[in-house]
């Protein structure tokens, strides 16, 4: 299983970014892909996840209404659309299947 996150960057508060997670190597059709974020010295925070095959989505309270998770039809790529970004969204974002994570992507939101 491989998960590769990309799309991070520097954005001003109120701006938007879209993260992508390339997913490969799954042998089962029943799994979830999610995003979590981590700031050095802090606990990791679950951001969002999407279930395969039914496409059900879940969001952390801090991002509800601002972030949207989606995927292509084959769930080879999972996206995290982040709008109305706040400085407190600054973190390294990782995609995960719950057991493994890919290399993270840095998101920095300036005030």
Protein backbone atom coordinates (compact mmCIF):
# COMPACT_ATOMS: atom_id res chain seq x y z
CA UNK A 1 0.00 0.00 0.00
CA UNK A 2 1.28 3.43 -0.92
CA UNK A 3 -0.12 6.82 -0.04
CA UNK A 4 1.47 10.00 -1.36
CA UNK A 5 0.21 13.41 -0.32
CA UNK A 6 0.82 16.60 -2.26
CA UNK A 7 -0.59 20.08 -2.77
CA UNK A 8 0.48 21.89 0.36
CA UNK A 9 1.86 25.39 0.34
CA UNK A 10 1.70 28.88 1.79
CA UNK A 11 -1.60 30.73 1.65
CA UNK A 12 -3.11 33.77 3.33
CA UNK A 13 -5.91 33.42 5.83
CA UNK A 14 -9.20 33.07 4.02
CA UNK A 15 -7.57 31.38 1.08
CA UNK A 16 -7.90 27.87 -0.30
CA UNK A 17 -5.73 24.88 -1.08
CA UNK A 18 -6.43 21.44 -2.47
CA UNK A 19 -4.46 18.49 -1.24
CA UNK A 20 -4.20 15.24 -3.18
CA UNK A 21 -3.41 11.74 -1.98
CA UNK A 22 -2.36 9.17 -4.53
CA UNK A 23 -3.48 5.74 -3.35
CA UNK A 24 -2.20 2.42 -4.64
CA UNK A 25 -1.74 -1.18 -3.64
CA UNK A 26 -5.06 -1.92 -1.95
CA UNK A 27 -6.27 -5.46 -2.47
CA UNK A 28 -9.61 -4.97 -0.78
CA UNK A 29 -12.54 -2.78 -1.84
CA UNK A 30 -13.56 -2.08 1.74
CA UNK A 31 -11.37 0.59 3.30
CA UNK A 32 -11.19 4.22 4.24
CA UNK A 33 -8.73 6.94 3.35
CA UNK A 34 -8.35 9.87 5.64
CA UNK A 35 -6.34 12.94 6.39
CA UNK A 36 -4.83 13.93 9.69
CA UNK A 37 -2.61 16.85 10.55
CA UNK A 38 0.13 17.36 13.04
CA UNK A 39 1.94 20.32 14.49
CA UNK A 40 5.29 19.67 16.22
CA UNK A 41 4.75 19.05 19.90
CA UNK A 42 1.01 18.56 19.56
CA UNK A 43 -1.28 15.57 19.24
CA UNK A 44 -2.24 14.55 15.75
CA UNK A 45 -5.70 15.70 14.75
CA UNK A 46 -8.06 13.79 12.52
CA UNK A 47 -9.30 16.01 9.73
CA UNK A 48 -11.49 13.96 7.45
CA UNK A 49 -11.99 10.54 5.90
CA UNK A 50 -13.88 8.93 3.07
CA UNK A 51 -15.12 5.38 2.98
CA UNK A 52 -14.85 2.97 0.06
CA UNK A 53 -17.08 1.78 -1.52
CA UNK A 54 -20.03 3.81 -0.19
CA UNK A 55 -18.30 7.20 -0.24
CA UNK A 56 -19.46 8.20 3.23
CA UNK A 57 -17.47 11.13 4.62
CA UNK A 58 -16.57 12.33 8.08
CA UNK A 59 -15.02 15.58 9.32
CA UNK A 60 -13.38 16.85 12.44
CA UNK A 61 -15.30 19.59 14.22
CA UNK A 62 -12.63 22.20 13.53
CA UNK A 63 -12.94 21.82 9.75
CA UNK A 64 -16.62 21.11 9.23
CA UNK A 65 -18.12 23.45 6.67
CA UNK A 66 -14.71 24.53 5.38
CA UNK A 67 -13.05 21.36 4.14
CA UNK A 68 -14.42 18.83 1.66
CA UNK A 69 -13.04 15.37 1.02
CA UNK A 70 -13.67 13.61 -2.26
CA UNK A 71 -12.16 11.00 -4.54
CA UNK A 72 -12.10 9.90 -8.12
CA UNK A 73 -14.41 7.03 -9.03
CA UNK A 74 -11.72 4.39 -8.54
CA UNK A 75 -10.48 6.03 -5.34
CA UNK A 76 -6.99 6.18 -6.79
CA UNK A 77 -6.80 9.81 -5.72
CA UNK A 78 -8.38 11.34 -2.64
CA UNK A 79 -8.69 15.10 -2.47
CA UNK A 80 -9.04 17.49 0.43
CA UNK A 81 -10.43 20.85 -0.63
CA UNK A 82 -9.64 23.37 2.09
CA UNK A 83 -11.45 26.71 2.05
CA UNK A 84 -11.58 29.66 4.43
CA UNK A 85 -8.22 28.63 5.79
CA UNK A 86 -7.15 29.91 9.19
CA UNK A 87 -3.69 30.24 10.72
CA UNK A 88 -4.61 27.41 13.09
CA UNK A 89 -4.90 25.10 10.08
CA UNK A 90 -1.12 25.34 9.71
CA UNK A 91 0.31 21.82 10.04
CA UNK A 92 1.80 18.93 8.15
CA UNK A 93 -1.05 17.04 6.53
CA UNK A 94 -0.83 13.28 6.04
CA UNK A 95 -3.11 10.87 4.23
CA UNK A 96 -3.63 7.49 5.82
CA UNK A 97 -5.58 4.27 5.56
CA UNK A 98 -5.63 4.03 9.33
CA UNK A 99 -2.55 1.85 9.55
CA UNK A 100 -0.10 3.47 7.18
CA UNK A 101 0.57 7.05 6.26
CA UNK A 102 2.28 8.67 3.36
CA UNK A 103 4.82 11.45 3.40
CA UNK A 104 3.13 14.58 4.62
CA UNK A 105 2.65 17.91 2.91
CA UNK A 106 3.14 21.22 4.70
CA UNK A 107 0.27 23.68 4.84
CA UNK A 108 1.07 27.14 6.16
CA UNK A 109 -1.62 29.78 6.58
CA UNK A 110 -0.42 33.31 7.23
CA UNK A 111 -2.50 35.84 9.13
